């Protein structure tokens, strides 16, 4: 059996959950999950702790061909220890070369079972569990949360190169309220903006109201030689009197600074 399979068997025999084992070792549940899925190997100190906890030899844990558990109380020889360290170094280098280093942090504090803060950064270009942050506040290559920050992010409030959310800010932003170079949403502001209700930008397209140098909408306000924030605000309120005032001021600011 492989290390991952042996660890699953040993943990279940003791009646431990992944979280209980993680607490005893002083690591996160995600670390134990990675060990059991074969995505990562414990460091030497943790392997020794596992050996002592389950009363098996280190050889049994790390050597796939060894099926006899033995006892962790047997003193390994210097040769065995050196060989084990070399094996662990080789495994570590193999994982690093395959996946690249990852910075990961998950807070123990949770709300409704979701971590309050989750951080994941790595070299992978495609979303993987190692580089996807999921939490109330999520930060990573790929982030999913109530508040999310990442290269690609999604959440109620999201900021990223590409962002999706109720309020989205990014180079490409899609959401209820979207701000970006290219923005698409119910309300959108950007160099290029497309919106269901209000679009503000250099080039705009909207089904209802638009402010910009080039605009295509039912109600349009062309930038011409320039607009003041007050002019844009008055125009928007004339057609959307019930619009949330902070949103009016934000869109008016963008409308007055189109270049």
C-alpha atoms as a PDB file:
ATOM      1  CA  UNK A   1       0.000   0.000   0.000  1.00  0.00           C
ATOM      2  CA  UNK A   2       0.997   3.604  -0.539  1.00  0.00           C
ATOM      3  CA  UNK A   3       1.521   6.019   2.353  1.00  0.00           C
ATOM      4  CA  UNK A   4      -1.829   7.715   1.700  1.00  0.00           C
ATOM      5  CA  UNK A   5      -3.714   4.403   1.936  1.00  0.00           C
ATOM      6  CA  UNK A   6      -1.863   3.361   5.086  1.00  0.00           C
ATOM      7  CA  UNK A   7      -2.658   6.680   6.770  1.00  0.00           C
ATOM      8  CA  UNK A   8      -6.369   6.337   5.980  1.00  0.00           C
ATOM      9  CA  UNK A   9      -6.444   2.811   7.443  1.00  0.00           C
ATOM     10  CA  UNK A  10      -4.547   3.792  10.591  1.00  0.00           C
ATOM     11  CA  UNK A  11      -6.719   6.839  11.205  1.00  0.00           C
ATOM     12  CA  UNK A  12      -9.960   4.930  10.754  1.00  0.00           C
ATOM     13  CA  UNK A  13      -8.779   2.102  13.011  1.00  0.00           C
ATOM     14  CA  UNK A  14      -8.322   4.677  15.782  1.00  0.00           C
ATOM     15  CA  UNK A  15     -11.761   6.134  15.061  1.00  0.00           C
ATOM     16  CA  UNK A  16     -10.332   9.557  14.277  1.00  0.00           C
ATOM     17  CA  UNK A  17     -11.699  12.106  11.833  1.00  0.00           C
ATOM     18  CA  UNK A  18      -9.322  14.093   9.640  1.00  0.00           C
ATOM     19  CA  UNK A  19      -9.949  17.135  11.827  1.00  0.00           C
ATOM     20  CA  UNK A  20      -9.213  15.213  15.062  1.00  0.00           C
ATOM     21  CA  UNK A  21      -5.958  13.853  13.627  1.00  0.00           C
ATOM     22  CA  UNK A  22      -5.012  17.328  12.419  1.00  0.00           C
ATOM     23  CA  UNK A  23      -5.596  18.766  15.911  1.00  0.00           C
ATOM     24  CA  UNK A  24      -3.365  16.126  17.506  1.00  0.00           C
ATOM     25  CA  UNK A  25      -0.573  16.845  15.014  1.00  0.00           C
ATOM     26  CA  UNK A  26      -0.958  20.634  15.123  1.00  0.00           C
ATOM     27  CA  UNK A  27      -1.756  20.960  11.407  1.00  0.00           C
ATOM     28  CA  UNK A  28      -4.844  21.903   9.396  1.00  0.00           C
ATOM     29  CA  UNK A  29      -7.470  19.432   8.254  1.00  0.00           C
ATOM     30  CA  UNK A  30      -6.573  20.390   4.681  1.00  0.00           C
ATOM     31  CA  UNK A  31      -3.026  19.123   5.282  1.00  0.00           C
ATOM     32  CA  UNK A  32      -4.317  15.732   6.416  1.00  0.00           C
ATOM     33  CA  UNK A  33      -6.660  15.649   3.414  1.00  0.00           C
ATOM     34  CA  UNK A  34      -3.716  16.276   1.066  1.00  0.00           C
ATOM     35  CA  UNK A  35      -1.674  13.499   2.709  1.00  0.00           C
ATOM     36  CA  UNK A  36      -4.538  11.043   2.304  1.00  0.00           C
ATOM     37  CA  UNK A  37      -5.207  12.038  -1.319  1.00  0.00           C
ATOM     38  CA  UNK A  38      -1.513  11.650  -2.207  1.00  0.00           C
ATOM     39  CA  UNK A  39      -1.158  15.339  -3.127  1.00  0.00           C
ATOM     40  CA  UNK A  40       1.480  15.961  -0.451  1.00  0.00           C
ATOM     41  CA  UNK A  41       3.785  14.212   2.023  1.00  0.00           C
ATOM     42  CA  UNK A  42       4.254  15.160   5.693  1.00  0.00           C
ATOM     43  CA  UNK A  43       7.584  16.570   6.755  1.00  0.00           C
ATOM     44  CA  UNK A  44       9.920  14.295   8.727  1.00  0.00           C
ATOM     45  CA  UNK A  45       8.830  15.609  12.142  1.00  0.00           C
ATOM     46  CA  UNK A  46       5.177  14.862  11.351  1.00  0.00           C
ATOM     47  CA  UNK A  47       6.047  11.403  10.019  1.00  0.00           C
ATOM     48  CA  UNK A  48       7.805  10.625  13.299  1.00  0.00           C
ATOM     49  CA  UNK A  49       4.729  11.863  15.199  1.00  0.00           C
ATOM     50  CA  UNK A  50       2.476   9.634  13.083  1.00  0.00           C
ATOM     51  CA  UNK A  51       4.787   6.685  13.649  1.00  0.00           C
ATOM     52  CA  UNK A  52       4.644   7.141  17.417  1.00  0.00           C
ATOM     53  CA  UNK A  53       0.925   7.900  17.463  1.00  0.00           C
ATOM     54  CA  UNK A  54      -0.028   4.725  15.574  1.00  0.00           C
ATOM     55  CA  UNK A  55       2.879   2.630  16.949  1.00  0.00           C
ATOM     56  CA  UNK A  56       4.267   1.675  13.534  1.00  0.00           C
ATOM     57  CA  UNK A  57       7.730   1.997  12.014  1.00  0.00           C
ATOM     58  CA  UNK A  58       8.777   4.788   9.715  1.00  0.00           C
ATOM     59  CA  UNK A  59       9.670   2.163   7.122  1.00  0.00           C
ATOM     60  CA  UNK A  60       6.070   0.939   7.176  1.00  0.00           C
ATOM     61  CA  UNK A  61       4.744   4.462   6.634  1.00  0.00           C
ATOM     62  CA  UNK A  62       6.968   5.582   3.757  1.00  0.00           C
ATOM     63  CA  UNK A  63       7.917   2.348   1.964  1.00  0.00           C
ATOM     64  CA  UNK A  64       5.125   1.054  -0.229  1.00  0.00           C
ATOM     65  CA  UNK A  65       6.546  -2.490  -0.256  1.00  0.00           C
ATOM     66  CA  UNK A  66       6.644  -2.787   3.554  1.00  0.00           C
ATOM     67  CA  UNK A  67       3.392  -4.257   4.876  1.00  0.00           C
ATOM     68  CA  UNK A  68       4.578  -5.315   8.356  1.00  0.00           C
ATOM     69  CA  UNK A  69       3.765  -2.554  10.794  1.00  0.00           C
ATOM     70  CA  UNK A  70       6.350  -3.403  13.427  1.00  0.00           C
ATOM     71  CA  UNK A  71       6.699  -0.977  16.309  1.00  0.00           C
ATOM     72  CA  UNK A  72       7.722   2.671  16.332  1.00  0.00           C
ATOM     73  CA  UNK A  73       9.690   1.959  19.506  1.00  0.00           C
ATOM     74  CA  UNK A  74      12.363   0.108  17.521  1.00  0.00           C
ATOM     75  CA  UNK A  75      15.439   2.287  17.245  1.00  0.00           C
ATOM     76  CA  UNK A  76      16.302   2.860  13.566  1.00  0.00           C
ATOM     77  CA  UNK A  77      19.930   2.565  12.554  1.00  0.00           C
ATOM     78  CA  UNK A  78      21.855   5.561  11.244  1.00  0.00           C
ATOM     79  CA  UNK A  79      21.854   3.961   7.800  1.00  0.00           C
ATOM     80  CA  UNK A  80      18.059   3.569   7.883  1.00  0.00           C
ATOM     81  CA  UNK A  81      17.616   7.141   9.064  1.00  0.00           C
ATOM     82  CA  UNK A  82      19.869   8.537   6.326  1.00  0.00           C
ATOM     83  CA  UNK A  83      18.072   6.449   3.695  1.00  0.00           C
ATOM     84  CA  UNK A  84      14.695   7.667   4.970  1.00  0.00           C
ATOM     85  CA  UNK A  85      15.789  11.312   4.881  1.00  0.00           C
ATOM     86  CA  UNK A  86      17.004  10.881   1.283  1.00  0.00           C
ATOM     87  CA  UNK A  87      13.680   9.319   0.309  1.00  0.00           C
ATOM     88  CA  UNK A  88      11.756  12.180   1.904  1.00  0.00           C
ATOM     89  CA  UNK A  89      13.967  14.749   0.164  1.00  0.00           C
ATOM     90  CA  UNK A  90      13.354  13.026  -3.177  1.00  0.00           C
ATOM     91  CA  UNK A  91       9.605  12.959  -2.563  1.00  0.00           C
ATOM     92  CA  UNK A  92       9.603  16.607  -1.535  1.00  0.00           C
ATOM     93  CA  UNK A  93      11.520  17.671  -4.653  1.00  0.00           C
ATOM     94  CA  UNK A  94       9.195  15.593  -6.802  1.00  0.00           C
ATOM     95  CA  UNK A  95       6.107  17.291  -5.411  1.00  0.00           C
ATOM     96  CA  UNK A  96       7.637  20.745  -5.724  1.00  0.00           C
ATOM     97  CA  UNK A  97       8.656  20.174  -9.344  1.00  0.00           C
ATOM     98  CA  UNK A  98       5.230  18.756 -10.198  1.00  0.00           C
ATOM     99  CA  UNK A  99       3.091  21.363  -8.531  1.00  0.00           C
ATOM    100  CA  UNK A 100       5.324  24.272  -7.539  1.00  0.00           C
ATOM    101  CA  UNK A 101       5.378  25.905  -4.111  1.00  0.00           C
ATOM    102  CA  UNK A 102       2.087  27.068  -2.660  1.00  0.00           C
ATOM    103  CA  UNK A 103       1.452  29.531   0.144  1.00  0.00           C
ATOM    104  CA  UNK A 104      -1.661  28.429   1.999  1.00  0.00           C
ATOM    105  CA  UNK A 105      -3.417  29.689   5.105  1.00  0.00           C
ATOM    106  CA  UNK A 106      -6.873  28.806   6.426  1.00  0.00           C
ATOM    107  CA  UNK A 107      -8.175  30.364   9.600  1.00  0.00           C
ATOM    108  CA  UNK A 108      -9.589  28.032  12.243  1.00  0.00           C
ATOM    109  CA  UNK A 109     -12.421  30.452  12.899  1.00  0.00           C
ATOM    110  CA  UNK A 110     -15.403  29.482  10.749  1.00  0.00           C
ATOM    111  CA  UNK A 111     -18.843  30.901  10.013  1.00  0.00           C
ATOM    112  CA  UNK A 112     -21.499  28.373   8.950  1.00  0.00           C
ATOM    113  CA  UNK A 113     -18.680  25.884   8.361  1.00  0.00           C
ATOM    114  CA  UNK A 114     -16.782  28.231   6.009  1.00  0.00           C
ATOM    115  CA  UNK A 115     -13.334  29.581   7.011  1.00  0.00           C
ATOM    116  CA  UNK A 116     -13.353  33.266   7.929  1.00  0.00           C
ATOM    117  CA  UNK A 117     -10.129  33.762   5.924  1.00  0.00           C
ATOM    118  CA  UNK A 118      -8.595  31.536   3.264  1.00  0.00           C
ATOM    119  CA  UNK A 119      -5.394  32.369   1.343  1.00  0.00           C
ATOM    120  CA  UNK A 120      -3.980  30.318  -1.549  1.00  0.00           C
ATOM    121  CA  UNK A 121      -1.136  31.351  -3.862  1.00  0.00           C
ATOM    122  CA  UNK A 122       0.813  29.086  -6.223  1.00  0.00           C
ATOM    123  CA  UNK A 123       2.250  28.770  -9.720  1.00  0.00           C
ATOM    124  CA  UNK A 124      -0.585  26.836 -11.333  1.00  0.00           C
ATOM    125  CA  UNK A 125      -2.352  28.634 -14.161  1.00  0.00           C
ATOM    126  CA  UNK A 126      -5.503  26.539 -13.907  1.00  0.00           C
ATOM    127  CA  UNK A 127      -7.788  26.358 -10.865  1.00  0.00           C
ATOM    128  CA  UNK A 128      -6.861  23.532  -8.488  1.00  0.00           C
ATOM    129  CA  UNK A 129      -7.761  22.897  -4.839  1.00  0.00           C
ATOM    130  CA  UNK A 130      -4.206  23.989  -3.951  1.00  0.00           C
ATOM    131  CA  UNK A 131      -4.583  27.467  -5.466  1.00  0.00           C
ATOM    132  CA  UNK A 132      -8.317  28.111  -5.085  1.00  0.00           C
ATOM    133  CA  UNK A 133      -9.208  30.069  -1.957  1.00  0.00           C
ATOM    134  CA  UNK A 134     -12.705  29.492  -0.549  1.00  0.00           C
ATOM    135  CA  UNK A 135     -13.800  31.461   2.507  1.00  0.00           C
ATOM    136  CA  UNK A 136     -15.795  34.380   3.835  1.00  0.00           C
ATOM    137  CA  UNK A 137     -12.743  36.430   2.840  1.00  0.00           C
ATOM    138  CA  UNK A 138     -10.854  34.640   0.046  1.00  0.00           C
ATOM    139  CA  UNK A 139      -7.467  35.676  -1.371  1.00  0.00           C
ATOM    140  CA  UNK A 140      -5.602  33.654  -3.991  1.00  0.00           C
ATOM    141  CA  UNK A 141      -4.865  32.840  -7.595  1.00  0.00           C
ATOM    142  CA  UNK A 142      -8.523  31.908  -7.787  1.00  0.00           C
ATOM    143  CA  UNK A 143     -10.806  33.218  -5.064  1.00  0.00           C
ATOM    144  CA  UNK A 144     -14.396  32.414  -4.123  1.00  0.00           C
ATOM    145  CA  UNK A 145     -15.975  34.129  -1.132  1.00  0.00           C
ATOM    146  CA  UNK A 146     -18.214  36.833   0.226  1.00  0.00           C
ATOM    147  CA  UNK A 147     -15.218  39.152  -0.226  1.00  0.00           C
ATOM    148  CA  UNK A 148     -12.772  37.810  -2.802  1.00  0.00           C
ATOM    149  CA  UNK A 149      -9.431  39.029  -4.125  1.00  0.00           C
ATOM    150  CA  UNK A 150      -7.534  37.139  -6.825  1.00  0.00           C
ATOM    151  CA  UNK A 151      -6.413  36.863 -10.401  1.00  0.00           C
ATOM    152  CA  UNK A 152      -9.860  35.413 -11.038  1.00  0.00           C
ATOM    153  CA  UNK A 153     -12.340  36.153  -8.281  1.00  0.00           C
ATOM    154  CA  UNK A 154     -16.027  35.601  -7.608  1.00  0.00           C
ATOM    155  CA  UNK A 155     -18.151  36.698  -4.669  1.00  0.00           C
ATOM    156  CA  UNK A 156     -20.548  39.300  -3.384  1.00  0.00           C
ATOM    157  CA  UNK A 157     -17.663  41.784  -3.452  1.00  0.00           C
ATOM    158  CA  UNK A 158     -14.832  40.796  -5.785  1.00  0.00           C
ATOM    159  CA  UNK A 159     -11.598  42.380  -6.974  1.00  0.00           C
ATOM    160  CA  UNK A 160      -9.327  40.777  -9.562  1.00  0.00           C
ATOM    161  CA  UNK A 161      -7.985  40.714 -13.077  1.00  0.00           C
ATOM    162  CA  UNK A 162     -11.257  39.004 -13.954  1.00  0.00           C
ATOM    163  CA  UNK A 163     -13.983  39.421 -11.361  1.00  0.00           C
ATOM    164  CA  UNK A 164     -17.592  38.339 -10.940  1.00  0.00           C
ATOM    165  CA  UNK A 165     -19.846  39.561  -8.150  1.00  0.00           C
ATOM    166  CA  UNK A 166     -22.660  41.693  -6.832  1.00  0.00           C
ATOM    167  CA  UNK A 167     -20.017  44.432  -6.847  1.00  0.00           C
ATOM    168  CA  UNK A 168     -17.118  43.573  -9.159  1.00  0.00           C
ATOM    169  CA  UNK A 169     -13.906  45.525  -9.796  1.00  0.00           C
ATOM    170  CA  UNK A 170     -11.304  44.352 -12.282  1.00  0.00           C
ATOM    171  CA  UNK A 171      -9.750  44.638 -15.704  1.00  0.00           C
ATOM    172  CA  UNK A 172     -12.758  42.597 -16.796  1.00  0.00           C
ATOM    173  CA  UNK A 173     -15.664  42.976 -14.364  1.00  0.00           C
ATOM    174  CA  UNK A 174     -19.066  41.327 -14.517  1.00  0.00           C
ATOM    175  CA  UNK A 175     -21.695  41.885 -11.849  1.00  0.00           C
ATOM    176  CA  UNK A 176     -24.657  43.766 -10.526  1.00  0.00           C
ATOM    177  CA  UNK A 177     -22.380  46.776 -10.210  1.00  0.00           C
ATOM    178  CA  UNK A 178     -19.243  46.479 -12.361  1.00  0.00           C
ATOM    179  CA  UNK A 179     -16.188  48.756 -12.541  1.00  0.00           C
ATOM    180  CA  UNK A 180     -13.340  47.935 -14.912  1.00  0.00           C
ATOM    181  CA  UNK A 181     -11.618  48.466 -18.226  1.00  0.00           C
ATOM    182  CA  UNK A 182     -14.363  46.266 -19.637  1.00  0.00           C
ATOM    183  CA  UNK A 183     -17.459  46.244 -17.432  1.00  0.00           C
ATOM    184  CA  UNK A 184     -20.708  44.361 -17.861  1.00  0.00           C
ATOM    185  CA  UNK A 185     -23.572  44.508 -15.383  1.00  0.00           C
ATOM    186  CA  UNK A 186     -26.846  46.038 -14.310  1.00  0.00           C
ATOM    187  CA  UNK A 187     -24.787  49.170 -13.585  1.00  0.00           C
ATOM    188  CA  UNK A 188     -21.385  49.423 -15.283  1.00  0.00           C
ATOM    189  CA  UNK A 189     -18.557  51.923 -15.534  1.00  0.00           C
ATOM    190  CA  UNK A 190     -15.334  51.518 -17.519  1.00  0.00           C
ATOM    191  CA  UNK A 191     -13.504  52.263 -20.733  1.00  0.00           C
ATOM    192  CA  UNK A 192     -16.001  49.940 -22.388  1.00  0.00           C
ATOM    193  CA  UNK A 193     -19.238  49.504 -20.471  1.00  0.00           C
ATOM    194  CA  UNK A 194     -22.359  47.520 -21.204  1.00  0.00           C
ATOM    195  CA  UNK A 195     -25.253  47.613 -18.769  1.00  0.00           C
ATOM    196  CA  UNK A 196     -28.892  46.753 -18.363  1.00  0.00           C
ATOM    197  CA  UNK A 197     -29.738  49.993 -16.534  1.00  0.00           C
ATOM    198  CA  UNK A 198     -26.859  52.518 -16.592  1.00  0.00           C
ATOM    199  CA  UNK A 199     -23.532  52.462 -18.454  1.00  0.00           C
ATOM    200  CA  UNK A 200     -20.791  55.062 -18.038  1.00  0.00           C
ATOM    201  CA  UNK A 201     -17.625  54.982 -20.129  1.00  0.00           C
ATOM    202  CA  UNK A 202     -15.735  56.019 -23.244  1.00  0.00           C
ATOM    203  CA  UNK A 203     -17.661  53.517 -25.360  1.00  0.00           C
ATOM    204  CA  UNK A 204     -20.976  52.552 -23.803  1.00  0.00           C
ATOM    205  CA  UNK A 205     -23.979  50.454 -24.680  1.00  0.00           C
ATOM    206  CA  UNK A 206     -27.016  50.294 -22.467  1.00  0.00           C
ATOM    207  CA  UNK A 207     -30.650  49.253 -22.765  1.00  0.00           C
ATOM    208  CA  UNK A 208     -31.743  52.315 -20.785  1.00  0.00           C
ATOM    209  CA  UNK A 209     -29.285  55.108 -19.841  1.00  0.00           C
ATOM    210  CA  UNK A 210     -25.729  55.848 -20.977  1.00  0.00           C
ATOM    211  CA  UNK A 211     -23.064  58.492 -20.427  1.00  0.00           C
ATOM    212  CA  UNK A 212     -19.986  58.540 -22.634  1.00  0.00           C
ATOM    213  CA  UNK A 213     -18.143  59.779 -25.677  1.00  0.00           C
ATOM    214  CA  UNK A 214     -19.997  57.206 -27.734  1.00  0.00           C
ATOM    215  CA  UNK A 215     -23.279  55.995 -26.344  1.00  0.00           C
ATOM    216  CA  UNK A 216     -26.116  53.822 -27.556  1.00  0.00           C
ATOM    217  CA  UNK A 217     -29.126  53.890 -25.249  1.00  0.00           C
ATOM    218  CA  UNK A 218     -32.688  55.122 -24.801  1.00  0.00           C
ATOM    219  CA  UNK A 219     -31.365  58.069 -22.768  1.00  0.00           C
ATOM    220  CA  UNK A 220     -27.900  59.352 -23.641  1.00  0.00           C
ATOM    221  CA  UNK A 221     -25.595  62.054 -22.336  1.00  0.00           C
ATOM    222  CA  UNK A 222     -22.591  62.564 -24.598  1.00  0.00           C
ATOM    223  CA  UNK A 223     -19.379  63.723 -23.044  1.00  0.00           C
ATOM    224  CA  UNK A 224     -18.612  66.239 -25.809  1.00  0.00           C
ATOM    225  CA  UNK A 225     -16.056  68.777 -24.596  1.00  0.00           C
ATOM    226  CA  UNK A 226     -16.490  67.717 -20.996  1.00  0.00           C
ATOM    227  CA  UNK A 227     -19.002  67.156 -18.202  1.00  0.00           C
ATOM    228  CA  UNK A 228     -19.097  68.068 -14.541  1.00  0.00           C
ATOM    229  CA  UNK A 229     -20.050  65.631 -11.819  1.00  0.00           C
ATOM    230  CA  UNK A 230     -23.136  67.732 -11.086  1.00  0.00           C
ATOM    231  CA  UNK A 231     -24.281  67.530 -14.719  1.00  0.00           C
ATOM    232  CA  UNK A 232     -23.931  63.763 -14.790  1.00  0.00           C
ATOM    233  CA  UNK A 233     -25.661  63.370 -11.434  1.00  0.00           C
ATOM    234  CA  UNK A 234     -28.600  65.543 -12.525  1.00  0.00           C
ATOM    235  CA  UNK A 235     -28.934  63.519 -15.737  1.00  0.00           C
ATOM    236  CA  UNK A 236     -28.942  60.185 -13.913  1.00  0.00           C
ATOM    237  CA  UNK A 237     -31.443  61.329 -11.277  1.00  0.00           C
ATOM    238  CA  UNK A 238     -33.738  62.684 -13.971  1.00  0.00           C
ATOM    239  CA  UNK A 239     -34.153  59.145 -15.324  1.00  0.00           C
ATOM    240  CA  UNK A 240     -33.480  57.108 -12.143  1.00  0.00           C
ATOM    241  CA  UNK A 241     -34.761  59.178  -9.247  1.00  0.00           C
ATOM    242  CA  UNK A 242     -34.889  56.225  -6.846  1.00  0.00           C
ATOM    243  CA  UNK A 243     -31.284  55.160  -7.494  1.00  0.00           C
ATOM    244  CA  UNK A 244     -29.096  54.608  -4.416  1.00  0.00           C
ATOM    245  CA  UNK A 245     -27.320  57.917  -3.845  1.00  0.00           C
ATOM    246  CA  UNK A 246     -23.802  56.507  -3.224  1.00  0.00           C
ATOM    247  CA  UNK A 247     -24.095  54.664  -6.562  1.00  0.00           C
ATOM    248  CA  UNK A 248     -25.246  57.888  -8.249  1.00  0.00           C
ATOM    249  CA  UNK A 249     -22.200  59.740  -6.904  1.00  0.00           C
ATOM    250  CA  UNK A 250     -19.831  56.940  -7.976  1.00  0.00           C
ATOM    251  CA  UNK A 251     -21.225  56.801 -11.526  1.00  0.00           C
ATOM    252  CA  UNK A 252     -21.231  60.599 -11.716  1.00  0.00           C
ATOM    253  CA  UNK A 253     -17.557  60.675 -10.723  1.00  0.00           C
ATOM    254  CA  UNK A 254     -16.685  58.306 -13.555  1.00  0.00           C
ATOM    255  CA  UNK A 255     -18.867  60.222 -15.986  1.00  0.00           C
ATOM    256  CA  UNK A 256     -17.078  63.473 -15.195  1.00  0.00           C
ATOM    257  CA  UNK A 257     -13.613  61.934 -15.679  1.00  0.00           C
ATOM    258  CA  UNK A 258     -14.017  60.167 -19.031  1.00  0.00           C
ATOM    259  CA  UNK A 259     -10.865  60.721 -21.068  1.00  0.00           C
END
